[in-house]
PDB file of N, CA and C in Angstrom:
ATOM      1  N   MET A   1     -54.908  41.694  -8.777  1.00  0.00           N
ATOM      2  CA  MET A   1     -54.983  40.496  -9.678  1.00  0.00           C
ATOM      3  C   MET A   1     -54.029  39.432  -9.285  1.00  0.00           C
ATOM      4  N   PRO A   2     -52.702  39.678  -9.055  1.00  0.00           N
ATOM      5  CA  PRO A   2     -51.817  38.600  -8.669  1.00  0.00           C
ATOM      6  C   PRO A   2     -52.205  37.968  -7.370  1.00  0.00           C
ATOM      7  N   ILE A   3     -52.820  38.653  -6.454  1.00  0.00           N
ATOM      8  CA  ILE A   3     -53.148  38.081  -5.159  1.00  0.00           C
ATOM      9  C   ILE A   3     -54.295  37.026  -5.373  1.00  0.00           C
ATOM     10  N   LYS A   4     -55.276  37.320  -6.192  1.00  0.00           N
ATOM     11  CA  LYS A   4     -56.346  36.444  -6.505  1.00  0.00           C
ATOM     12  C   LYS A   4     -55.788  35.189  -7.187  1.00  0.00           C
ATOM     13  N   PHE A   5     -54.877  35.404  -8.082  1.00  0.00           N
ATOM     14  CA  PHE A   5     -54.265  34.218  -8.765  1.00  0.00           C
ATOM     15  C   PHE A   5     -53.514  33.298  -7.772  1.00  0.00           C
ATOM     16  N   LEU A   6     -52.872  33.958  -6.799  1.00  0.00           N
ATOM     17  CA  LEU A   6     -52.101  33.155  -5.837  1.00  0.00           C
ATOM     18  C   LEU A   6     -53.121  32.381  -4.896  1.00  0.00           C
ATOM     19  N   PHE A   7     -54.200  33.018  -4.573  1.00  0.00           N
ATOM     20  CA  PHE A   7     -55.129  32.332  -3.744  1.00  0.00           C
ATOM     21  C   PHE A   7     -55.889  31.205  -4.497  1.00  0.00           C
ATOM     22  N   ALA A   8     -56.016  31.379  -5.818  1.00  0.00           N
ATOM     23  CA  ALA A   8     -56.628  30.320  -6.648  1.00  0.00           C
ATOM     24  C   ALA A   8     -55.613  29.124  -6.706  1.00  0.00           C
ATOM     25  N   LEU A   9     -54.370  29.431  -6.793  1.00  0.00           N
ATOM     26  CA  LEU A   9     -53.389  28.327  -6.827  1.00  0.00           C
ATOM     27  C   LEU A   9     -53.366  27.579  -5.541  1.00  0.00           C
ATOM     28  N   VAL A  10     -53.415  28.289  -4.446  1.00  0.00           N
ATOM     29  CA  VAL A  10     -53.426  27.626  -3.140  1.00  0.00           C
ATOM     30  C   VAL A  10     -54.729  26.783  -2.954  1.00  0.00           C
ATOM     31  N   ASP A  11     -55.797  27.301  -3.531  1.00  0.00           N
ATOM     32  CA  ASP A  11     -57.067  26.492  -3.441  1.00  0.00           C
ATOM     33  C   ASP A  11     -56.950  25.209  -4.270  1.00  0.00           C
ATOM     34  N   MET A  12     -56.330  25.326  -5.421  1.00  0.00           N
ATOM     35  CA  MET A  12     -56.083  24.154  -6.273  1.00  0.00           C
ATOM     36  C   MET A  12     -55.141  23.165  -5.630  1.00  0.00           C
ATOM     37  N   CYS A  13     -54.273  23.671  -4.788  1.00  0.00           N
ATOM     38  CA  CYS A  13     -53.307  22.822  -4.093  1.00  0.00           C
ATOM     39  C   CYS A  13     -53.986  21.901  -3.064  1.00  0.00           C
ATOM     40  N   LYS A  14     -55.190  22.265  -2.586  1.00  0.00           N
ATOM     41  CA  LYS A  14     -55.894  21.498  -1.609  1.00  0.00           C
ATOM     42  C   LYS A  14     -56.339  20.129  -2.148  1.00  0.00           C
ATOM     43  N   TYR A  15     -56.416  19.989  -3.419  1.00  0.00           N
ATOM     44  CA  TYR A  15     -56.961  18.746  -3.893  1.00  0.00           C
ATOM     45  C   TYR A  15     -55.834  17.845  -4.431  1.00  0.00           C
ATOM     46  N   PRO A  16     -56.081  16.505  -4.469  1.00  0.00           N
ATOM     47  CA  PRO A  16     -54.905  15.647  -4.944  1.00  0.00           C
ATOM     48  C   PRO A  16     -54.622  15.884  -6.381  1.00  0.00           C
ATOM     49  N   LEU A  17     -53.349  15.672  -6.709  1.00  0.00           N
ATOM     50  CA  LEU A  17     -52.922  15.909  -8.094  1.00  0.00           C
ATOM     51  C   LEU A  17     -53.599  14.890  -9.090  1.00  0.00           C
ATOM     52  N   SER A  18     -54.048  13.715  -8.590  1.00  0.00           N
ATOM     53  CA  SER A  18     -54.626  12.753  -9.452  1.00  0.00           C
ATOM     54  C   SER A  18     -55.864  13.160 -10.175  1.00  0.00           C
ATOM     55  N   ILE A  19     -56.525  14.226  -9.711  1.00  0.00           N
ATOM     56  CA  ILE A  19     -57.800  14.667 -10.348  1.00  0.00           C
ATOM     57  C   ILE A  19     -57.505  15.626 -11.582  1.00  0.00           C
ATOM     58  N   TYR A  20     -56.266  16.101 -11.628  1.00  0.00           N
ATOM     59  CA  TYR A  20     -55.983  16.982 -12.755  1.00  0.00           C
ATOM     60  C   TYR A  20     -55.348  16.233 -13.923  1.00  0.00           C
ATOM     61  N   SER A  21     -55.413  16.918 -15.092  1.00  0.00           N
ATOM     62  CA  SER A  21     -54.861  16.238 -16.270  1.00  0.00           C
ATOM     63  C   SER A  21     -53.319  16.260 -16.169  1.00  0.00           C
ATOM     64  N   SER A  22     -52.666  15.496 -17.009  1.00  0.00           N
ATOM     65  CA  SER A  22     -51.273  15.345 -16.958  1.00  0.00           C
ATOM     66  C   SER A  22     -50.512  16.643 -17.232  1.00  0.00           C
ATOM     67  N   VAL A  23     -51.099  17.560 -18.047  1.00  0.00           N
ATOM     68  CA  VAL A  23     -50.444  18.895 -18.298  1.00  0.00           C
ATOM     69  C   VAL A  23     -50.477  19.688 -17.026  1.00  0.00           C
ATOM     70  N   ILE A  24     -51.641  19.733 -16.376  1.00  0.00           N
ATOM     71  CA  ILE A  24     -51.737  20.536 -15.125  1.00  0.00           C
ATOM     72  C   ILE A  24     -50.815  19.902 -14.064  1.00  0.00           C
ATOM     73  N   ARG A  25     -50.794  18.626 -13.964  1.00  0.00           N
ATOM     74  CA  ARG A  25     -49.872  17.898 -13.034  1.00  0.00           C
ATOM     75  C   ARG A  25     -48.506  18.275 -13.213  1.00  0.00           C
ATOM     76  N   PHE A  26     -48.045  18.282 -14.508  1.00  0.00           N
ATOM     77  CA  PHE A  26     -46.669  18.618 -14.838  1.00  0.00           C
ATOM     78  C   PHE A  26     -46.389  20.103 -14.457  1.00  0.00           C
ATOM     79  N   ILE A  27     -47.315  20.980 -14.705  1.00  0.00           N
ATOM     80  CA  ILE A  27     -47.083  22.370 -14.293  1.00  0.00           C
ATOM     81  C   ILE A  27     -47.023  22.463 -12.790  1.00  0.00           C
ATOM     82  N   PHE A  28     -47.821  21.816 -12.041  1.00  0.00           N
ATOM     83  CA  PHE A  28     -47.828  21.921 -10.630  1.00  0.00           C
ATOM     84  C   PHE A  28     -46.628  21.224  -9.957  1.00  0.00           C
ATOM     85  N   VAL A  29     -45.990  20.330 -10.667  1.00  0.00           N
ATOM     86  CA  VAL A  29     -44.837  19.694 -10.072  1.00  0.00           C
ATOM     87  C   VAL A  29     -43.517  20.324 -10.464  1.00  0.00           C
ATOM     88  N   THR A  30     -43.451  20.912 -11.728  1.00  0.00           N
ATOM     89  CA  THR A  30     -42.163  21.449 -12.219  1.00  0.00           C
ATOM     90  C   THR A  30     -42.166  22.977 -12.262  1.00  0.00           C
ATOM     91  N   ILE A  31     -43.025  23.560 -12.999  1.00  0.00           N
ATOM     92  CA  ILE A  31     -43.051  24.995 -13.170  1.00  0.00           C
ATOM     93  C   ILE A  31     -43.408  25.791 -11.954  1.00  0.00           C
ATOM     94  N   ILE A  32     -44.659  25.490 -11.440  1.00  0.00           N
ATOM     95  CA  ILE A  32     -45.110  26.066 -10.214  1.00  0.00           C
ATOM     96  C   ILE A  32     -45.265  24.922  -9.211  1.00  0.00           C
ATOM     97  N   PRO A  33     -44.233  24.695  -8.353  1.00  0.00           N
ATOM     98  CA  PRO A  33     -44.164  23.489  -7.556  1.00  0.00           C
ATOM     99  C   PRO A  33     -45.116  23.474  -6.394  1.00  0.00           C
ATOM    100  N   ILE A  34     -46.386  23.807  -6.563  1.00  0.00           N
ATOM    101  CA  ILE A  34     -47.382  23.758  -5.546  1.00  0.00           C
ATOM    102  C   ILE A  34     -47.710  22.338  -5.244  1.00  0.00           C
ATOM    103  N   GLY A  35     -47.675  21.434  -6.180  1.00  0.00           N
ATOM    104  CA  GLY A  35     -48.006  20.015  -5.974  1.00  0.00           C
ATOM    105  C   GLY A  35     -46.992  19.319  -5.008  1.00  0.00           C
ATOM    106  N   LEU A  36     -45.757  19.882  -5.027  1.00  0.00           N
ATOM    107  CA  LEU A  36     -44.776  19.318  -4.134  1.00  0.00           C
ATOM    108  C   LEU A  36     -44.985  19.590  -2.697  1.00  0.00           C
ATOM    109  N   ILE A  37     -45.769  20.673  -2.392  1.00  0.00           N
ATOM    110  CA  ILE A  37     -45.972  21.050  -1.003  1.00  0.00           C
ATOM    111  C   ILE A  37     -46.740  20.097  -0.229  1.00  0.00           C
ATOM    112  N   ASN A  38     -47.828  19.617  -0.796  1.00  0.00           N
ATOM    113  CA  ASN A  38     -48.721  18.715  -0.035  1.00  0.00           C
ATOM    114  C   ASN A  38     -48.802  17.359  -0.527  1.00  0.00           C
ATOM    115  N   TYR A  39     -48.936  17.150  -1.814  1.00  0.00           N
ATOM    116  CA  TYR A  39     -49.271  15.831  -2.401  1.00  0.00           C
ATOM    117  C   TYR A  39     -48.204  14.764  -2.095  1.00  0.00           C
ATOM    118  N   PHE A  40     -46.985  14.990  -2.476  1.00  0.00           N
ATOM    119  CA  PHE A  40     -45.956  14.003  -2.313  1.00  0.00           C
ATOM    120  C   PHE A  40     -45.623  13.809  -0.840  1.00  0.00           C
ATOM    121  N   GLY A  41     -45.710  14.803  -0.010  1.00  0.00           N
ATOM    122  CA  GLY A  41     -45.514  14.541   1.386  1.00  0.00           C
ATOM    123  C   GLY A  41     -46.620  13.712   2.010  1.00  0.00           C
ATOM    124  N   VAL A  42     -47.822  13.926   1.648  1.00  0.00           N
ATOM    125  CA  VAL A  42     -48.938  13.118   2.141  1.00  0.00           C
ATOM    126  C   VAL A  42     -48.812  11.714   1.626  1.00  0.00           C
ATOM    127  N   MET A  43     -48.375  11.538   0.390  1.00  0.00           N
ATOM    128  CA  MET A  43     -48.232  10.229  -0.169  1.00  0.00           C
ATOM    129  C   MET A  43     -47.136   9.404   0.572  1.00  0.00           C
ATOM    130  N   GLN A  44     -46.066  10.095   0.989  1.00  0.00           N
ATOM    131  CA  GLN A  44     -45.075   9.418   1.690  1.00  0.00           C
ATOM    132  C   GLN A  44     -45.510   9.053   3.115  1.00  0.00           C
ATOM    133  N   VAL A  45     -46.269   9.935   3.700  1.00  0.00           N
ATOM    134  CA  VAL A  45     -46.766   9.639   5.068  1.00  0.00           C
ATOM    135  C   VAL A  45     -47.788   8.468   5.026  1.00  0.00           C
ATOM    136  N   LYS A  46     -48.577   8.498   3.949  1.00  0.00           N
ATOM    137  CA  LYS A  46     -49.532   7.356   3.755  1.00  0.00           C
ATOM    138  C   LYS A  46     -48.882   6.027   3.539  1.00  0.00           C
ATOM    139  N   ASN A  47     -47.770   6.007   2.815  1.00  0.00           N
ATOM    140  CA  ASN A  47     -47.090   4.754   2.514  1.00  0.00           C
ATOM    141  C   ASN A  47     -45.848   4.565   3.381  1.00  0.00           C
ATOM    142  N   ILE A  48     -45.929   5.050   4.670  1.00  0.00           N
ATOM    143  CA  ILE A  48     -44.825   5.007   5.545  1.00  0.00           C
ATOM    144  C   ILE A  48     -44.415   3.542   5.842  1.00  0.00           C
ATOM    145  N   ALA A  49     -43.144   3.348   5.910  1.00  0.00           N
ATOM    146  CA  ALA A  49     -42.668   1.975   6.222  1.00  0.00           C
ATOM    147  C   ALA A  49     -41.928   2.040   7.576  1.00  0.00           C
ATOM    148  N   TRP A  50     -41.780   0.872   8.165  1.00  0.00           N
ATOM    149  CA  TRP A  50     -41.054   0.812   9.471  1.00  0.00           C
ATOM    150  C   TRP A  50     -39.584   1.232   9.343  1.00  0.00           C
ATOM    151  N   THR A  51     -39.002   0.943   8.235  1.00  0.00           N
ATOM    152  CA  THR A  51     -37.579   1.431   8.093  1.00  0.00           C
ATOM    153  C   THR A  51     -37.481   2.916   8.114  1.00  0.00           C
ATOM    154  N   PHE A  52     -38.528   3.597   7.549  1.00  0.00           N
ATOM    155  CA  PHE A  52     -38.502   4.994   7.563  1.00  0.00           C
ATOM    156  C   PHE A  52     -38.627   5.555   9.061  1.00  0.00           C
ATOM    157  N   LEU A  53     -39.514   4.945   9.800  1.00  0.00           N
ATOM    158  CA  LEU A  53     -39.690   5.330  11.188  1.00  0.00           C
ATOM    159  C   LEU A  53     -38.434   5.050  11.972  1.00  0.00           C
ATOM    160  N   PHE A  54     -37.794   3.900  11.686  1.00  0.00           N
ATOM    161  CA  PHE A  54     -36.602   3.585  12.355  1.00  0.00           C
ATOM    162  C   PHE A  54     -35.458   4.623  12.022  1.00  0.00           C
ATOM    163  N   SER A  55     -35.392   4.999  10.820  1.00  0.00           N
ATOM    164  CA  SER A  55     -34.382   6.041  10.400  1.00  0.00           C
ATOM    165  C   SER A  55     -34.659   7.330  11.068  1.00  0.00           C
ATOM    166  N   LEU A  56     -35.934   7.716  11.268  1.00  0.00           N
ATOM    167  CA  LEU A  56     -36.271   8.925  11.929  1.00  0.00           C
ATOM    168  C   LEU A  56     -35.839   8.862  13.428  1.00  0.00           C
ATOM    169  N   VAL A  57     -36.037   7.733  14.069  1.00  0.00           N
ATOM    170  CA  VAL A  57     -35.663   7.619  15.457  1.00  0.00           C
ATOM    171  C   VAL A  57     -34.114   7.660  15.548  1.00  0.00           C
ATOM    172  N   VAL A  58     -33.463   6.912  14.725  1.00  0.00           N
ATOM    173  CA  VAL A  58     -31.927   6.930  14.777  1.00  0.00           C
ATOM    174  C   VAL A  58     -31.423   8.285  14.523  1.00  0.00           C
ATOM    175  N   SER A  59     -31.917   9.008  13.541  1.00  0.00           N
ATOM    176  CA  SER A  59     -31.412  10.374  13.282  1.00  0.00           C
ATOM    177  C   SER A  59     -31.723  11.334  14.458  1.00  0.00           C
ATOM    178  N   GLY A  60     -32.889  11.123  15.116  1.00  0.00           N
ATOM    179  CA  GLY A  60     -33.176  11.962  16.248  1.00  0.00           C
ATOM    180  C   GLY A  60     -32.231  11.667  17.416  1.00  0.00           C
ATOM    181  N   VAL A  61     -31.820  10.357  17.605  1.00  0.00           N
ATOM    182  CA  VAL A  61     -30.834  10.010  18.600  1.00  0.00           C
ATOM    183  C   VAL A  61     -29.527  10.626  18.342  1.00  0.00           C
ATOM    184  N   PHE A  62     -29.004  10.562  17.084  1.00  0.00           N
ATOM    185  CA  PHE A  62     -27.759  11.178  16.657  1.00  0.00           C
ATOM    186  C   PHE A  62     -27.781  12.694  16.796  1.00  0.00           C
ATOM    187  N   LEU A  63     -28.940  13.314  16.569  1.00  0.00           N
ATOM    188  CA  LEU A  63     -29.140  14.736  16.716  1.00  0.00           C
ATOM    189  C   LEU A  63     -28.931  15.129  18.171  1.00  0.00           C
ATOM    190  N   CYS A  64     -29.566  14.398  19.045  1.00  0.00           N
ATOM    191  CA  CYS A  64     -29.466  14.636  20.520  1.00  0.00           C
ATOM    192  C   CYS A  64     -28.030  14.485  20.965  1.00  0.00           C
ATOM    193  N   ILE A  65     -27.400  13.436  20.451  1.00  0.00           N
ATOM    194  CA  ILE A  65     -25.987  13.230  20.880  1.00  0.00           C
ATOM    195  C   ILE A  65     -25.116  14.346  20.391  1.00  0.00           C
ATOM    196  N   SER A  66     -25.286  14.770  19.177  1.00  0.00           N
ATOM    197  CA  SER A  66     -24.415  15.854  18.589  1.00  0.00           C
ATOM    198  C   SER A  66     -24.686  17.169  19.324  1.00  0.00           C
ATOM    199  N   VAL A  67     -25.925  17.469  19.664  1.00  0.00           N
ATOM    200  CA  VAL A  67     -26.217  18.691  20.365  1.00  0.00           C
ATOM    201  C   VAL A  67     -25.547  18.675  21.795  1.00  0.00           C
ATOM    202  N   TYR A  68     -25.667  17.514  22.465  1.00  0.00           N
ATOM    203  CA  TYR A  68     -25.014  17.373  23.777  1.00  0.00           C
ATOM    204  C   TYR A  68     -23.497  17.553  23.668  1.00  0.00           C
ATOM    205  N   LEU A  69     -22.861  16.900  22.679  1.00  0.00           N
ATOM    206  CA  LEU A  69     -21.422  17.039  22.520  1.00  0.00           C
ATOM    207  C   LEU A  69     -20.990  18.455  22.188  1.00  0.00           C
ATOM    208  N   PHE A  70     -21.877  19.123  21.365  1.00  0.00           N
ATOM    209  CA  PHE A  70     -21.539  20.520  21.002  1.00  0.00           C
ATOM    210  C   PHE A  70     -21.577  21.448  22.197  1.00  0.00           C
ATOM    211  N   GLU A  71     -22.679  21.233  23.032  1.00  0.00           N
ATOM    212  CA  GLU A  71     -22.817  22.157  24.167  1.00  0.00           C
ATOM    213  C   GLU A  71     -21.677  21.852  25.175  1.00  0.00           C
ATOM    214  N   LYS A  72     -21.284  20.558  25.384  1.00  0.00           N
ATOM    215  CA  LYS A  72     -20.178  20.256  26.243  1.00  0.00           C
ATOM    216  C   LYS A  72     -18.895  20.857  25.745  1.00  0.00           C
ATOM    217  N   ALA A  73     -18.592  20.734  24.467  1.00  0.00           N
ATOM    218  CA  ALA A  73     -17.403  21.377  23.949  1.00  0.00           C
ATOM    219  C   ALA A  73     -17.413  22.915  24.027  1.00  0.00           C
ATOM    220  N   PHE A  74     -18.599  23.493  23.803  1.00  0.00           N
ATOM    221  CA  PHE A  74     -18.749  24.893  23.834  1.00  0.00           C
ATOM    222  C   PHE A  74     -18.494  25.465  25.328  1.00  0.00           C
ATOM    223  N   ARG A  75     -18.925  24.674  26.314  1.00  0.00           N
ATOM    224  CA  ARG A  75     -18.654  25.083  27.691  1.00  0.00           C
ATOM    225  C   ARG A  75     -17.176  24.979  28.042  1.00  0.00           C
ATOM    226  N   LEU A  76     -16.468  24.056  27.430  1.00  0.00           N
ATOM    227  CA  LEU A  76     -15.009  23.821  27.692  1.00  0.00           C
ATOM    228  C   LEU A  76     -14.127  24.749  26.853  1.00  0.00           C
ATOM    229  N   TYR A  77     -14.673  25.512  25.899  1.00  0.00           N
ATOM    230  CA  TYR A  77     -13.875  26.348  25.082  1.00  0.00           C
ATOM    231  C   TYR A  77     -13.395  27.550  25.769  1.00  0.00           C
ATOM    232  N   GLU A  78     -12.124  27.845  25.622  1.00  0.00           N
ATOM    233  CA  GLU A  78     -11.506  29.040  26.140  1.00  0.00           C
ATOM    234  C   GLU A  78     -10.886  29.876  25.057  1.00  0.00           C
ATOM    235  N   SER A  79     -11.267  31.110  25.002  1.00  0.00           N
ATOM    236  CA  SER A  79     -10.767  31.989  23.965  1.00  0.00           C
ATOM    237  C   SER A  79      -9.335  32.437  24.292  1.00  0.00           C
ATOM    238  N   THR A  80      -8.640  32.832  23.314  1.00  0.00           N
ATOM    239  CA  THR A  80      -7.226  33.418  23.520  1.00  0.00           C
ATOM    240  C   THR A  80      -7.235  34.797  24.038  1.00  0.00           C
ATOM    241  N   GLY A  81      -8.299  35.469  23.797  1.00  0.00           N
ATOM    242  CA  GLY A  81      -8.463  36.893  24.305  1.00  0.00           C
ATOM    243  C   GLY A  81      -7.948  37.928  23.374  1.00  0.00           C
ATOM    244  N   SER A  82      -7.501  37.512  22.173  1.00  0.00           N
ATOM    245  CA  SER A  82      -6.919  38.576  21.294  1.00  0.00           C
ATOM    246  C   SER A  82      -7.848  38.777  20.170  1.00  0.00           C
TER     247      SER A  82
END
């Protein structure tokens, strides 16, 4: 029984939250956060702005720089041996 209920919830998650009543929408966003999995992510991708893309690129550059610096420092690290 719980497995069928879980599959039913996942099936309900495939549809946009706007087709459900406000009570069901509230349950899917707060109590059982299935609505957070796909709906809000898709809405953000749909309404994507250039500043968001720019921030993704900048954060990727900083990530690459930090990984490079970490690996360089890790290679130079010498243990005390104790």
